[in-house]
Amino acid sequence: MGIFMSLSQDFTIRPVHVHVNLLGWVGFFLYALFYRHFPHIAATRLSWIHFWTAVTGLPAMMAGLALVVLGHMGLGLPLLLGGEFVTVISVALFICIGFMATKAEPVSAHRESLAPAE
């Protein structure tokens, strides 16, 4: 997309390019790193819901954004808003999954292992 815009010198769809780079490349890279580091979390039902909301929301959002930028508001705006809604759900799920995977153990569990030596 970036190469096409550079060659044609038409930067009309620049917002789509920016969002694809940030949410697509950077977002999915972070998802992959997280699930690679926490493989037991990757196998949960919630992570699969996160995966499918991310994979369906982003393309819908990008198609809608492209249509809106190109002036096709009638079709583009509902697609953009629906894709944004699903993408926001996906990000919120990922934040919840991240907090659940990295929450600290209760302090009482550590106290038994830290008993004073006699």
N, C-alpha and C. Protein backbone atom coordinates (compact mmCIF):
# COMPACT_ATOMS: atom_id res chain seq x y z
N MET A 1 0.82 -1.17 0.00
CA MET A 1 0.00 0.00 0.00
C MET A 1 0.88 1.25 0.00
N GLY A 2 1.92 1.24 0.82
CA GLY A 2 2.83 2.38 0.87
C GLY A 2 3.58 2.56 -0.44
N ILE A 3 4.01 1.46 -1.02
CA ILE A 3 4.72 1.54 -2.30
C ILE A 3 3.79 2.08 -3.39
N PHE A 4 2.55 1.59 -3.41
CA PHE A 4 1.57 2.07 -4.39
C PHE A 4 1.35 3.57 -4.23
N MET A 5 1.21 4.04 -3.00
CA MET A 5 1.00 5.47 -2.78
C MET A 5 2.21 6.27 -3.24
N SER A 6 3.41 5.77 -2.97
CA SER A 6 4.62 6.48 -3.39
C SER A 6 4.75 6.54 -4.90
N LEU A 7 4.48 5.42 -5.55
CA LEU A 7 4.61 5.39 -7.01
C LEU A 7 3.57 6.27 -7.70
N SER A 8 2.36 6.27 -7.18
CA SER A 8 1.31 7.05 -7.83
C SER A 8 1.25 8.50 -7.33
N GLN A 9 1.96 8.79 -6.24
CA GLN A 9 1.92 10.11 -5.59
C GLN A 9 0.49 10.50 -5.18
N ASP A 10 -0.32 9.50 -4.90
CA ASP A 10 -1.69 9.71 -4.42
C ASP A 10 -1.75 9.17 -2.99
N PHE A 11 -1.82 10.06 -2.03
CA PHE A 11 -1.78 9.68 -0.63
C PHE A 11 -3.16 9.77 0.03
N THR A 12 -4.19 9.61 -0.76
CA THR A 12 -5.56 9.71 -0.26
C THR A 12 -5.84 8.68 0.82
N ILE A 13 -5.35 7.47 0.65
CA ILE A 13 -5.65 6.40 1.63
C ILE A 13 -4.57 6.28 2.71
N ARG A 14 -3.83 7.35 2.95
CA ARG A 14 -2.80 7.34 3.99
C ARG A 14 -3.35 6.93 5.36
N PRO A 15 -4.56 7.38 5.77
CA PRO A 15 -5.07 6.94 7.08
C PRO A 15 -5.23 5.41 7.18
N VAL A 16 -5.60 4.79 6.07
CA VAL A 16 -5.74 3.33 6.06
C VAL A 16 -4.37 2.70 6.24
N HIS A 17 -3.37 3.22 5.54
CA HIS A 17 -2.00 2.70 5.64
C HIS A 17 -1.48 2.80 7.07
N VAL A 18 -1.72 3.93 7.70
CA VAL A 18 -1.25 4.14 9.08
C VAL A 18 -1.93 3.15 10.04
N HIS A 19 -3.24 2.97 9.91
CA HIS A 19 -3.95 2.07 10.79
C HIS A 19 -3.57 0.61 10.56
N VAL A 20 -3.35 0.24 9.31
CA VAL A 20 -2.92 -1.14 9.02
C VAL A 20 -1.56 -1.39 9.65
N ASN A 21 -0.65 -0.42 9.56
CA ASN A 21 0.67 -0.60 10.17
C ASN A 21 0.57 -0.70 11.69
N LEU A 22 -0.16 0.20 12.30
CA LEU A 22 -0.21 0.21 13.76
C LEU A 22 -1.01 -0.96 14.31
N LEU A 23 -2.27 -1.09 13.90
CA LEU A 23 -3.11 -2.15 14.45
C LEU A 23 -2.79 -3.52 13.87
N GLY A 24 -2.44 -3.54 12.61
CA GLY A 24 -2.16 -4.82 11.95
C GLY A 24 -0.79 -5.36 12.31
N TRP A 25 0.24 -4.66 11.89
CA TRP A 25 1.59 -5.17 12.10
C TRP A 25 2.01 -5.10 13.57
N VAL A 26 1.92 -3.93 14.17
CA VAL A 26 2.40 -3.78 15.55
C VAL A 26 1.49 -4.53 16.52
N GLY A 27 0.18 -4.36 16.37
CA GLY A 27 -0.75 -5.04 17.28
C GLY A 27 -0.63 -6.54 17.24
N PHE A 28 -0.65 -7.10 16.04
CA PHE A 28 -0.57 -8.56 15.93
C PHE A 28 0.80 -9.09 16.34
N PHE A 29 1.85 -8.29 16.15
CA PHE A 29 3.17 -8.68 16.63
C PHE A 29 3.18 -8.78 18.15
N LEU A 30 2.57 -7.81 18.81
CA LEU A 30 2.50 -7.85 20.27
C LEU A 30 1.64 -9.01 20.76
N TYR A 31 0.54 -9.28 20.06
CA TYR A 31 -0.28 -10.43 20.42
C TYR A 31 0.54 -11.72 20.33
N ALA A 32 1.29 -11.86 19.25
CA ALA A 32 2.09 -13.07 19.04
C ALA A 32 3.16 -13.21 20.12
N LEU A 33 3.83 -12.12 20.46
CA LEU A 33 4.85 -12.18 21.52
C LEU A 33 4.23 -12.59 22.84
N PHE A 34 3.09 -12.01 23.16
CA PHE A 34 2.43 -12.32 24.42
C PHE A 34 2.04 -13.80 24.48
N TYR A 35 1.37 -14.28 23.43
CA TYR A 35 0.92 -15.68 23.44
C TYR A 35 2.09 -16.65 23.36
N ARG A 36 3.19 -16.23 22.78
CA ARG A 36 4.40 -17.07 22.75
C ARG A 36 4.98 -17.18 24.17
N HIS A 37 4.91 -16.08 24.91
CA HIS A 37 5.45 -16.06 26.27
C HIS A 37 4.52 -16.77 27.26
N PHE A 38 3.23 -16.77 26.98
CA PHE A 38 2.25 -17.42 27.85
C PHE A 38 1.45 -18.45 27.04
N PRO A 39 2.09 -19.58 26.67
CA PRO A 39 1.40 -20.55 25.82
C PRO A 39 0.17 -21.18 26.48
N HIS A 40 0.16 -21.28 27.80
CA HIS A 40 -1.00 -21.85 28.47
C HIS A 40 -2.22 -20.93 28.33
N ILE A 41 -2.00 -19.64 28.17
CA ILE A 41 -3.09 -18.69 27.97
C ILE A 41 -3.60 -18.77 26.53
N ALA A 42 -2.70 -19.04 25.60
CA ALA A 42 -3.06 -19.10 24.19
C ALA A 42 -4.08 -20.20 23.89
N ALA A 43 -4.14 -21.20 24.74
CA ALA A 43 -5.04 -22.33 24.51
C ALA A 43 -6.42 -22.12 25.11
N THR A 44 -6.66 -20.99 25.76
CA THR A 44 -7.94 -20.76 26.41
C THR A 44 -9.01 -20.30 25.42
N ARG A 45 -10.24 -20.48 25.81
CA ARG A 45 -11.36 -20.06 24.96
C ARG A 45 -11.37 -18.54 24.77
N LEU A 46 -11.03 -17.81 25.83
CA LEU A 46 -11.02 -16.35 25.75
C LEU A 46 -9.99 -15.85 24.74
N SER A 47 -8.85 -16.52 24.67
CA SER A 47 -7.83 -16.10 23.69
C SER A 47 -8.29 -16.38 22.27
N TRP A 48 -9.07 -17.44 22.07
CA TRP A 48 -9.61 -17.71 20.74
C TRP A 48 -10.65 -16.66 20.35
N ILE A 49 -11.45 -16.23 21.32
CA ILE A 49 -12.40 -15.15 21.05
C ILE A 49 -11.63 -13.89 20.69
N HIS A 50 -10.56 -13.63 21.42
CA HIS A 50 -9.72 -12.47 21.10
C HIS A 50 -9.18 -12.58 19.68
N PHE A 51 -8.68 -13.75 19.32
CA PHE A 51 -8.12 -13.95 17.98
C PHE A 51 -9.16 -13.63 16.90
N TRP A 52 -10.35 -14.20 17.04
CA TRP A 52 -11.36 -14.03 15.99
C TRP A 52 -11.90 -12.61 15.94
N THR A 53 -12.01 -11.94 17.06
CA THR A 53 -12.44 -10.54 17.01
C THR A 53 -11.38 -9.66 16.38
N ALA A 54 -10.10 -9.96 16.64
CA ALA A 54 -9.02 -9.19 16.02
C ALA A 54 -8.96 -9.43 14.52
N VAL A 55 -9.10 -10.68 14.12
CA VAL A 55 -8.97 -11.04 12.71
C VAL A 55 -10.16 -10.57 11.88
N THR A 56 -11.33 -10.46 12.47
CA THR A 56 -12.48 -9.98 11.72
C THR A 56 -12.68 -8.47 11.82
N GLY A 57 -12.36 -7.90 12.97
CA GLY A 57 -12.58 -6.47 13.16
C GLY A 57 -11.66 -5.59 12.35
N LEU A 58 -10.40 -5.92 12.31
CA LEU A 58 -9.43 -5.06 11.61
C LEU A 58 -9.68 -4.96 10.11
N PRO A 59 -9.87 -6.05 9.39
CA PRO A 59 -10.14 -5.90 7.94
C PRO A 59 -11.43 -5.14 7.65
N ALA A 60 -12.47 -5.36 8.45
CA ALA A 60 -13.71 -4.62 8.26
C ALA A 60 -13.49 -3.13 8.50
N MET A 61 -12.75 -2.83 9.55
CA MET A 61 -12.47 -1.44 9.87
C MET A 61 -11.65 -0.77 8.76
N MET A 62 -10.66 -1.48 8.24
CA MET A 62 -9.81 -0.90 7.20
C MET A 62 -10.57 -0.71 5.88
N ALA A 63 -11.42 -1.67 5.54
CA ALA A 63 -12.23 -1.53 4.33
C ALA A 63 -13.19 -0.35 4.48
N GLY A 64 -13.82 -0.24 5.63
CA GLY A 64 -14.72 0.88 5.89
C GLY A 64 -14.01 2.21 5.86
N LEU A 65 -12.82 2.28 6.46
CA LEU A 65 -12.05 3.52 6.47
C LEU A 65 -11.65 3.91 5.05
N ALA A 66 -11.24 2.94 4.25
CA ALA A 66 -10.87 3.22 2.86
C ALA A 66 -12.07 3.77 2.10
N LEU A 67 -13.23 3.16 2.29
CA LEU A 67 -14.43 3.64 1.60
C LEU A 67 -14.82 5.05 2.04
N VAL A 68 -14.72 5.33 3.33
CA VAL A 68 -15.04 6.66 3.84
C VAL A 68 -14.08 7.69 3.27
N VAL A 69 -12.78 7.39 3.29
CA VAL A 69 -11.77 8.32 2.78
C VAL A 69 -11.98 8.58 1.29
N LEU A 70 -12.43 7.56 0.57
CA LEU A 70 -12.66 7.70 -0.87
C LEU A 70 -14.03 8.30 -1.19
N GLY A 71 -14.82 8.62 -0.15
CA GLY A 71 -16.08 9.32 -0.37
C GLY A 71 -17.32 8.46 -0.44
N HIS A 72 -17.24 7.20 -0.12
CA HIS A 72 -18.40 6.30 -0.16
C HIS A 72 -18.95 6.12 1.25
N MET A 73 -19.55 7.17 1.78
CA MET A 73 -19.99 7.18 3.17
C MET A 73 -21.11 6.18 3.44
N GLY A 74 -22.00 5.98 2.49
CA GLY A 74 -23.15 5.10 2.70
C GLY A 74 -22.76 3.68 3.07
N LEU A 75 -21.79 3.13 2.38
CA LEU A 75 -21.33 1.77 2.67
C LEU A 75 -20.17 1.78 3.66
N GLY A 76 -19.32 2.78 3.55
CA GLY A 76 -18.10 2.81 4.37
C GLY A 76 -18.32 3.07 5.83
N LEU A 77 -19.22 3.99 6.17
CA LEU A 77 -19.41 4.35 7.57
C LEU A 77 -19.94 3.20 8.42
N PRO A 78 -20.98 2.47 7.99
CA PRO A 78 -21.41 1.32 8.81
C PRO A 78 -20.32 0.25 8.95
N LEU A 79 -19.59 0.02 7.87
CA LEU A 79 -18.51 -0.97 7.92
C LEU A 79 -17.40 -0.51 8.85
N LEU A 80 -17.06 0.77 8.78
CA LEU A 80 -16.03 1.34 9.66
C LEU A 80 -16.46 1.25 11.11
N LEU A 81 -17.67 1.66 11.41
CA LEU A 81 -18.13 1.64 12.81
C LEU A 81 -18.24 0.22 13.35
N GLY A 82 -18.73 -0.70 12.53
CA GLY A 82 -18.80 -2.10 12.97
C GLY A 82 -17.43 -2.69 13.22
N GLY A 83 -16.50 -2.42 12.30
CA GLY A 83 -15.13 -2.90 12.47
C GLY A 83 -14.44 -2.29 13.67
N GLU A 84 -14.69 -0.99 13.90
CA GLU A 84 -14.11 -0.33 15.08
C GLU A 84 -14.64 -0.96 16.36
N PHE A 85 -15.94 -1.21 16.39
CA PHE A 85 -16.56 -1.81 17.57
C PHE A 85 -15.94 -3.16 17.89
N VAL A 86 -15.81 -4.01 16.87
CA VAL A 86 -15.23 -5.35 17.07
C VAL A 86 -13.76 -5.24 17.45
N THR A 87 -13.04 -4.28 16.86
CA THR A 87 -11.61 -4.10 17.17
C THR A 87 -11.43 -3.61 18.61
N VAL A 88 -12.28 -2.71 19.06
CA VAL A 88 -12.21 -2.24 20.45
C VAL A 88 -12.49 -3.39 21.41
N ILE A 89 -13.46 -4.24 21.08
CA ILE A 89 -13.72 -5.43 21.91
C ILE A 89 -12.48 -6.32 21.94
N SER A 90 -11.83 -6.48 20.80
CA SER A 90 -10.63 -7.30 20.73
C SER A 90 -9.52 -6.75 21.62
N VAL A 91 -9.29 -5.46 21.57
CA VAL A 91 -8.24 -4.85 22.39
C VAL A 91 -8.60 -4.96 23.87
N ALA A 92 -9.86 -4.74 24.21
CA ALA A 92 -10.28 -4.87 25.61
C ALA A 92 -10.11 -6.30 26.10
N LEU A 93 -10.44 -7.27 25.27
CA LEU A 93 -10.22 -8.67 25.63
C LEU A 93 -8.74 -8.95 25.87
N PHE A 94 -7.89 -8.40 24.99
CA PHE A 94 -6.46 -8.63 25.15
C PHE A 94 -5.94 -8.02 26.44
N ILE A 95 -6.43 -6.85 26.79
CA ILE A 95 -6.01 -6.23 28.06
C ILE A 95 -6.45 -7.09 29.23
N CYS A 96 -7.68 -7.58 29.20
CA CYS A 96 -8.16 -8.47 30.28
C CYS A 96 -7.34 -9.75 30.35
N ILE A 97 -7.06 -10.34 29.20
CA ILE A 97 -6.24 -11.56 29.15
C ILE A 97 -4.86 -11.29 29.72
N GLY A 98 -4.28 -10.15 29.36
CA GLY A 98 -2.96 -9.78 29.87
C GLY A 98 -2.94 -9.63 31.37
N PHE A 99 -3.96 -8.97 31.92
CA PHE A 99 -4.02 -8.83 33.38
C PHE A 99 -4.22 -10.17 34.06
N MET A 100 -5.07 -11.02 33.50
CA MET A 100 -5.29 -12.33 34.11
C MET A 100 -4.03 -13.19 34.06
N ALA A 101 -3.26 -13.10 32.99
CA ALA A 101 -2.07 -13.94 32.84
C ALA A 101 -0.92 -13.47 33.72
N THR A 102 -0.89 -12.19 34.04
CA THR A 102 0.26 -11.66 34.76
C THR A 102 -0.04 -11.24 36.19
N LYS A 103 -1.24 -11.55 36.67
CA LYS A 103 -1.56 -11.13 38.04
C LYS A 103 -0.66 -11.84 39.03
N ALA A 104 -0.36 -11.13 40.09
CA ALA A 104 0.55 -11.66 41.11
C ALA A 104 -0.18 -12.66 41.99
N GLU A 105 0.59 -13.59 42.53
CA GLU A 105 0.02 -14.56 43.47
C GLU A 105 -0.23 -13.86 44.79
N PRO A 106 -1.17 -14.36 45.58
CA PRO A 106 -1.42 -13.76 46.90
C PRO A 106 -0.18 -13.82 47.78
N VAL A 107 -0.06 -12.86 48.66
CA VAL A 107 1.11 -12.77 49.53
C VAL A 107 1.19 -13.98 50.45
N SER A 108 0.06 -14.52 50.89
CA SER A 108 0.07 -15.65 51.83
C SER A 108 0.75 -16.88 51.22
N ALA A 109 0.71 -17.06 49.93
CA ALA A 109 1.35 -18.21 49.30
C ALA A 109 2.87 -18.10 49.41
N HIS A 110 3.40 -16.89 49.42
CA HIS A 110 4.84 -16.70 49.51
C HIS A 110 5.35 -16.79 50.96
N ARG A 111 4.51 -16.52 51.91
CA ARG A 111 4.96 -16.50 53.31
C ARG A 111 5.38 -17.88 53.79
N GLU A 112 4.70 -18.92 53.31
CA GLU A 112 5.06 -20.28 53.74
C GLU A 112 6.44 -20.66 53.24
N SER A 113 6.78 -20.23 52.04
CA SER A 113 8.09 -20.59 51.49
C SER A 113 9.20 -19.73 52.07
N LEU A 114 8.84 -18.64 52.73
CA LEU A 114 9.84 -17.74 53.30
C LEU A 114 9.92 -17.87 54.82
N ALA A 115 9.64 -19.06 55.35
CA ALA A 115 9.71 -19.26 56.80
C ALA A 115 11.16 -19.12 57.26
N PRO A 116 11.37 -18.54 58.45
CA PRO A 116 12.74 -18.35 58.94
C PRO A 116 13.45 -19.67 59.19
N ALA A 117 14.71 -19.68 58.93
CA ALA A 117 15.52 -20.90 59.16
C ALA A 117 15.77 -21.05 60.65
N GLU A 118 15.82 -22.29 61.10
CA GLU A 118 16.06 -22.54 62.53
C GLU A 118 17.46 -22.99 62.78
